[in-house]
Amino acid sequence: MDDKTLRARVMEQLEWDPQVDAAHIGVSAKDGAVTLIGHVSSYSQKLAAVQAAERVHGVKAVADELEVKLPRLQRS
């Protein structure tokens, strides 16, 4: 599978997974190695994103470069 197709399939998987908000996640792929970049709002989303990428056929390795940006509390 070529890198462009693999990247697209990983993005589709991230968007499909209800535990992941893929709005701020970027994906790159090179020879079966996928890199997730960007940010998510919780550690559980970070883990879910990596697991989603690992489920895609053709992914050999996942480099997790996601940053967790916790939502700020609103003061009244």
N, C-alpha and C. Protein backbone atom coordinates (compact mmCIF):
# COMPACT_ATOMS: atom_id res chain seq x y z
N MET A 1 0.85 -1.18 0.00
CA MET A 1 0.00 0.00 0.00
C MET A 1 0.90 1.24 0.00
N ASP A 2 0.52 2.21 -0.81
CA ASP A 2 1.35 3.42 -0.87
C ASP A 2 1.07 4.33 0.33
N ASP A 3 1.98 5.26 0.56
CA ASP A 3 1.90 6.14 1.73
C ASP A 3 0.63 7.00 1.74
N LYS A 4 0.23 7.48 0.58
CA LYS A 4 -0.95 8.33 0.50
C LYS A 4 -2.22 7.57 0.91
N THR A 5 -2.34 6.34 0.46
CA THR A 5 -3.50 5.52 0.81
C THR A 5 -3.49 5.17 2.29
N LEU A 6 -2.33 4.82 2.81
CA LEU A 6 -2.22 4.49 4.23
C LEU A 6 -2.58 5.69 5.09
N ARG A 7 -2.10 6.84 4.74
CA ARG A 7 -2.43 8.07 5.48
C ARG A 7 -3.94 8.30 5.47
N ALA A 8 -4.56 8.15 4.32
CA ALA A 8 -6.00 8.36 4.20
C ALA A 8 -6.78 7.36 5.06
N ARG A 9 -6.35 6.12 5.07
CA ARG A 9 -7.05 5.10 5.86
C ARG A 9 -6.91 5.35 7.36
N VAL A 10 -5.75 5.82 7.78
CA VAL A 10 -5.56 6.14 9.20
C VAL A 10 -6.45 7.33 9.58
N MET A 11 -6.50 8.35 8.73
CA MET A 11 -7.36 9.50 9.00
C MET A 11 -8.83 9.07 9.09
N GLU A 12 -9.26 8.20 8.19
CA GLU A 12 -10.64 7.70 8.23
C GLU A 12 -10.91 6.97 9.54
N GLN A 13 -9.97 6.16 9.98
CA GLN A 13 -10.13 5.41 11.23
C GLN A 13 -10.21 6.36 12.42
N LEU A 14 -9.39 7.40 12.42
CA LEU A 14 -9.43 8.38 13.51
C LEU A 14 -10.76 9.12 13.54
N GLU A 15 -11.26 9.47 12.37
CA GLU A 15 -12.53 10.18 12.29
C GLU A 15 -13.71 9.28 12.67
N TRP A 16 -13.60 8.00 12.40
CA TRP A 16 -14.67 7.05 12.70
C TRP A 16 -14.74 6.71 14.18
N ASP A 17 -13.60 6.69 14.85
CA ASP A 17 -13.54 6.26 16.26
C ASP A 17 -14.24 7.29 17.15
N PRO A 18 -15.29 6.88 17.89
CA PRO A 18 -16.02 7.84 18.73
C PRO A 18 -15.22 8.35 19.93
N GLN A 19 -14.13 7.69 20.27
CA GLN A 19 -13.30 8.13 21.40
C GLN A 19 -12.28 9.19 21.01
N VAL A 20 -12.21 9.49 19.72
CA VAL A 20 -11.17 10.40 19.23
C VAL A 20 -11.81 11.61 18.54
N ASP A 21 -11.36 12.80 18.91
CA ASP A 21 -11.72 14.01 18.18
C ASP A 21 -10.55 14.29 17.25
N ALA A 22 -10.71 13.94 16.00
CA ALA A 22 -9.61 14.01 15.04
C ALA A 22 -9.41 15.40 14.45
N ALA A 23 -10.15 16.38 14.91
CA ALA A 23 -10.10 17.72 14.33
C ALA A 23 -8.71 18.35 14.36
N HIS A 24 -7.91 18.01 15.37
CA HIS A 24 -6.59 18.63 15.51
C HIS A 24 -5.46 17.62 15.40
N ILE A 25 -5.72 16.51 14.69
CA ILE A 25 -4.72 15.47 14.52
C ILE A 25 -4.31 15.41 13.06
N GLY A 26 -3.01 15.44 12.84
CA GLY A 26 -2.46 15.27 11.50
C GLY A 26 -1.78 13.93 11.41
N VAL A 27 -1.71 13.39 10.21
CA VAL A 27 -1.11 12.07 10.00
C VAL A 27 -0.13 12.15 8.85
N SER A 28 1.03 11.55 9.05
CA SER A 28 1.96 11.35 7.94
C SER A 28 2.32 9.87 7.91
N ALA A 29 2.68 9.37 6.73
CA ALA A 29 3.01 7.95 6.58
C ALA A 29 4.21 7.80 5.67
N LYS A 30 5.07 6.87 6.04
CA LYS A 30 6.26 6.59 5.24
C LYS A 30 6.61 5.12 5.42
N ASP A 31 6.44 4.32 4.38
CA ASP A 31 6.81 2.90 4.38
C ASP A 31 6.17 2.13 5.53
N GLY A 32 4.91 2.40 5.83
CA GLY A 32 4.19 1.69 6.88
C GLY A 32 4.32 2.29 8.27
N ALA A 33 5.20 3.26 8.42
CA ALA A 33 5.35 3.96 9.70
C ALA A 33 4.48 5.21 9.67
N VAL A 34 3.62 5.34 10.66
CA VAL A 34 2.67 6.45 10.72
C VAL A 34 3.05 7.36 11.88
N THR A 35 2.98 8.66 11.65
CA THR A 35 3.23 9.64 12.71
C THR A 35 1.95 10.43 12.95
N LEU A 36 1.54 10.49 14.21
CA LEU A 36 0.38 11.29 14.61
C LEU A 36 0.91 12.58 15.24
N ILE A 37 0.46 13.72 14.71
CA ILE A 37 0.91 15.01 15.22
C ILE A 37 -0.31 15.87 15.52
N GLY A 38 -0.14 16.85 16.37
CA GLY A 38 -1.22 17.74 16.72
C GLY A 38 -1.51 17.67 18.20
N HIS A 39 -2.79 17.89 18.56
CA HIS A 39 -3.15 17.84 19.97
C HIS A 39 -4.56 17.28 20.18
N VAL A 40 -4.74 16.74 21.37
CA VAL A 40 -6.03 16.20 21.81
C VAL A 40 -6.30 16.77 23.20
N SER A 41 -7.53 16.57 23.70
CA SER A 41 -7.91 17.20 24.96
C SER A 41 -7.78 16.31 26.18
N SER A 42 -7.33 15.05 26.00
CA SER A 42 -7.16 14.18 27.16
C SER A 42 -6.18 13.06 26.84
N TYR A 43 -5.66 12.47 27.90
CA TYR A 43 -4.74 11.34 27.74
C TYR A 43 -5.47 10.13 27.17
N SER A 44 -6.75 9.96 27.51
CA SER A 44 -7.50 8.82 26.97
C SER A 44 -7.71 8.97 25.47
N GLN A 45 -7.88 10.20 24.98
CA GLN A 45 -7.99 10.42 23.54
C GLN A 45 -6.67 10.12 22.84
N LYS A 46 -5.59 10.47 23.49
CA LYS A 46 -4.25 10.21 22.94
C LYS A 46 -4.06 8.71 22.75
N LEU A 47 -4.38 7.95 23.79
CA LEU A 47 -4.26 6.49 23.72
C LEU A 47 -5.20 5.92 22.66
N ALA A 48 -6.43 6.40 22.60
CA ALA A 48 -7.40 5.92 21.63
C ALA A 48 -6.95 6.21 20.20
N ALA A 49 -6.32 7.36 19.98
CA ALA A 49 -5.83 7.71 18.64
C ALA A 49 -4.73 6.76 18.20
N VAL A 50 -3.81 6.46 19.09
CA VAL A 50 -2.73 5.54 18.76
C VAL A 50 -3.30 4.15 18.46
N GLN A 51 -4.23 3.69 19.29
CA GLN A 51 -4.83 2.38 19.08
C GLN A 51 -5.61 2.33 17.77
N ALA A 52 -6.29 3.41 17.43
CA ALA A 52 -7.03 3.46 16.17
C ALA A 52 -6.07 3.35 14.98
N ALA A 53 -4.96 4.06 15.05
CA ALA A 53 -3.97 4.00 13.96
C ALA A 53 -3.39 2.59 13.84
N GLU A 54 -3.13 1.95 14.97
CA GLU A 54 -2.56 0.60 14.96
C GLU A 54 -3.51 -0.43 14.36
N ARG A 55 -4.81 -0.17 14.39
CA ARG A 55 -5.80 -1.10 13.83
C ARG A 55 -5.83 -1.12 12.31
N VAL A 56 -5.27 -0.12 11.68
CA VAL A 56 -5.33 -0.01 10.22
C VAL A 56 -4.36 -1.00 9.58
N HIS A 57 -4.90 -1.79 8.65
CA HIS A 57 -4.07 -2.75 7.92
C HIS A 57 -2.97 -2.01 7.16
N GLY A 58 -1.75 -2.46 7.30
CA GLY A 58 -0.62 -1.84 6.62
C GLY A 58 0.24 -0.99 7.53
N VAL A 59 -0.27 -0.64 8.71
CA VAL A 59 0.51 0.15 9.66
C VAL A 59 1.48 -0.78 10.37
N LYS A 60 2.76 -0.48 10.27
CA LYS A 60 3.80 -1.28 10.91
C LYS A 60 4.25 -0.68 12.23
N ALA A 61 4.18 0.65 12.35
CA ALA A 61 4.61 1.35 13.56
C ALA A 61 3.89 2.68 13.65
N VAL A 62 3.68 3.14 14.89
CA VAL A 62 3.04 4.43 15.11
C VAL A 62 3.94 5.28 16.00
N ALA A 63 4.30 6.44 15.50
CA ALA A 63 5.04 7.42 16.30
C ALA A 63 4.02 8.42 16.84
N ASP A 64 3.92 8.48 18.14
CA ASP A 64 2.94 9.33 18.81
C ASP A 64 3.58 10.66 19.19
N GLU A 65 3.26 11.69 18.44
CA GLU A 65 3.76 13.03 18.75
C GLU A 65 2.60 13.95 19.12
N LEU A 66 1.52 13.35 19.63
CA LEU A 66 0.35 14.12 20.04
C LEU A 66 0.61 14.79 21.38
N GLU A 67 0.17 16.02 21.49
CA GLU A 67 0.28 16.77 22.73
C GLU A 67 -1.10 16.81 23.38
N VAL A 68 -1.14 16.66 24.68
CA VAL A 68 -2.40 16.76 25.41
C VAL A 68 -2.54 18.19 25.89
N LYS A 69 -3.61 18.85 25.43
CA LYS A 69 -3.92 20.21 25.88
C LYS A 69 -5.23 20.13 26.63
N LEU A 70 -5.13 20.14 27.94
CA LEU A 70 -6.33 20.05 28.76
C LEU A 70 -7.16 21.30 28.60
N PRO A 71 -8.50 21.14 28.53
CA PRO A 71 -9.36 22.32 28.39
C PRO A 71 -9.23 23.23 29.61
N ARG A 72 -9.27 24.49 29.36
CA ARG A 72 -9.20 25.47 30.47
C ARG A 72 -10.55 25.55 31.15
N LEU A 73 -10.52 25.68 32.44
CA LEU A 73 -11.76 25.85 33.20
C LEU A 73 -12.26 27.27 33.03
N GLN A 74 -13.56 27.39 32.82
CA GLN A 74 -14.18 28.70 32.70
C GLN A 74 -14.55 29.22 34.08
N ARG A 75 -14.17 30.43 34.39
CA ARG A 75 -14.55 31.03 35.67
C ARG A 75 -15.83 31.82 35.49
N SER A 76 -16.67 31.77 36.49
CA SER A 76 -17.95 32.51 36.43
C SER A 76 -17.78 33.91 36.93
